[in-house]
Amino acid sequence: MGKRRILTGHVISNKMDKTVVVKVSTRRQHRRYRKFINYFKKYKAHDQENACNTGDLVTLVETRPLSKEKRWRVSEILERAE
């Protein structure tokens, strides 16, 4: 069994019970033009204690499927939003 993937992103929604939506940004270089392009993806993650607020910087860890769309859980809160 391989290691679990770890992602870091900002919470953009915490309106669901025990679930947060996290936006993860990545920068990739275009193959031909060598320009850096910002990509982002939204993940639904399990937040057991409902501790996350909008704007928090969090770490996600890959886990077994918890529901139809949840395959990540919040590992830790790195930085609180102001």
Protein backbone atom coordinates (compact mmCIF):
# COMPACT_ATOMS: atom_id res chain seq x y z
CA MET A 1 0.00 0.00 0.00
CA GLY A 2 1.40 3.39 -0.99
CA LYS A 3 1.56 6.52 1.09
CA ARG A 4 -1.50 8.73 1.36
CA ARG A 5 -1.48 11.96 -0.62
CA ILE A 6 -1.33 15.25 1.29
CA LEU A 7 -2.68 18.57 -0.02
CA THR A 8 -2.73 22.11 1.38
CA GLY A 9 -5.43 24.67 0.65
CA HIS A 10 -7.85 27.30 1.91
CA VAL A 11 -11.36 26.60 3.23
CA ILE A 12 -13.93 28.33 1.02
CA SER A 13 -17.09 26.93 2.60
CA ASN A 14 -18.06 25.37 5.94
CA LYS A 15 -21.85 25.45 5.61
CA MET A 16 -22.27 21.66 5.73
CA ASP A 17 -22.18 19.57 8.89
CA LYS A 18 -18.73 17.99 9.43
CA THR A 19 -17.73 18.85 5.85
CA VAL A 20 -15.66 21.70 4.42
CA VAL A 21 -14.87 22.67 0.83
CA VAL A 22 -11.16 23.33 0.31
CA LYS A 23 -9.63 25.12 -2.70
CA VAL A 24 -6.19 23.76 -3.61
CA SER A 25 -4.06 25.86 -5.98
CA THR A 26 -1.17 24.60 -8.10
CA ARG A 27 1.16 26.32 -10.57
CA ARG A 28 2.20 24.47 -13.72
CA GLN A 29 4.33 25.51 -16.63
CA HIS A 30 2.85 25.43 -20.13
CA ARG A 31 4.61 22.84 -22.28
CA ARG A 32 5.20 24.99 -25.33
CA TYR A 33 5.13 28.59 -24.12
CA ARG A 34 6.84 28.05 -20.73
CA LYS A 35 4.41 30.43 -19.02
CA PHE A 36 3.30 29.53 -15.50
CA ILE A 37 -0.46 29.01 -15.19
CA ASN A 38 -2.41 28.86 -11.92
CA TYR A 39 -4.80 25.94 -11.62
CA PHE A 40 -7.17 25.21 -8.77
CA LYS A 41 -9.46 22.40 -7.71
CA LYS A 42 -12.09 22.12 -4.99
CA TYR A 43 -12.20 19.14 -2.64
CA LYS A 44 -14.80 18.17 -0.05
CA ALA A 45 -13.12 17.11 3.18
CA HIS A 46 -14.29 15.62 6.47
CA ASP A 47 -13.99 17.94 9.50
CA GLN A 48 -14.99 15.87 12.54
CA GLU A 49 -15.14 18.68 15.13
CA ASN A 50 -16.49 21.42 12.81
CA ALA A 51 -13.35 23.37 13.76
CA CYS A 52 -12.59 24.96 10.37
CA ASN A 53 -13.81 28.40 9.35
CA THR A 54 -13.83 30.11 5.97
CA GLY A 55 -10.35 31.33 5.05
CA ASP A 56 -8.38 28.86 7.19
CA LEU A 57 -5.28 27.24 5.70
CA VAL A 58 -5.60 23.47 6.20
CA THR A 59 -3.81 20.23 5.36
CA LEU A 60 -5.82 17.40 3.77
CA VAL A 61 -5.01 13.69 3.89
CA GLU A 62 -6.42 11.14 1.47
CA THR A 63 -8.72 8.57 3.09
CA ARG A 64 -11.26 5.90 2.23
CA PRO A 65 -14.53 7.08 0.64
CA LEU A 66 -16.66 8.64 3.39
CA SER A 67 -19.59 9.62 1.16
CA LYS A 68 -20.39 10.13 -2.51
CA GLU A 69 -17.89 12.99 -2.93
CA LYS A 70 -15.75 12.97 0.26
CA ARG A 71 -12.39 11.20 -0.04
CA TRP A 72 -10.29 13.59 2.07
CA ARG A 73 -10.16 14.58 5.73
CA VAL A 74 -8.73 17.62 7.47
CA SER A 75 -5.43 16.65 9.11
CA GLU A 76 -4.58 19.97 10.76
CA ILE A 77 -5.30 23.67 10.63
CA LEU A 78 -2.07 25.45 9.71
CA GLU A 79 -3.29 29.05 9.90
CA ARG A 80 -6.48 30.62 11.17
CA ALA A 81 -8.32 33.28 9.16
CA GLU A 82 -8.52 36.78 10.59
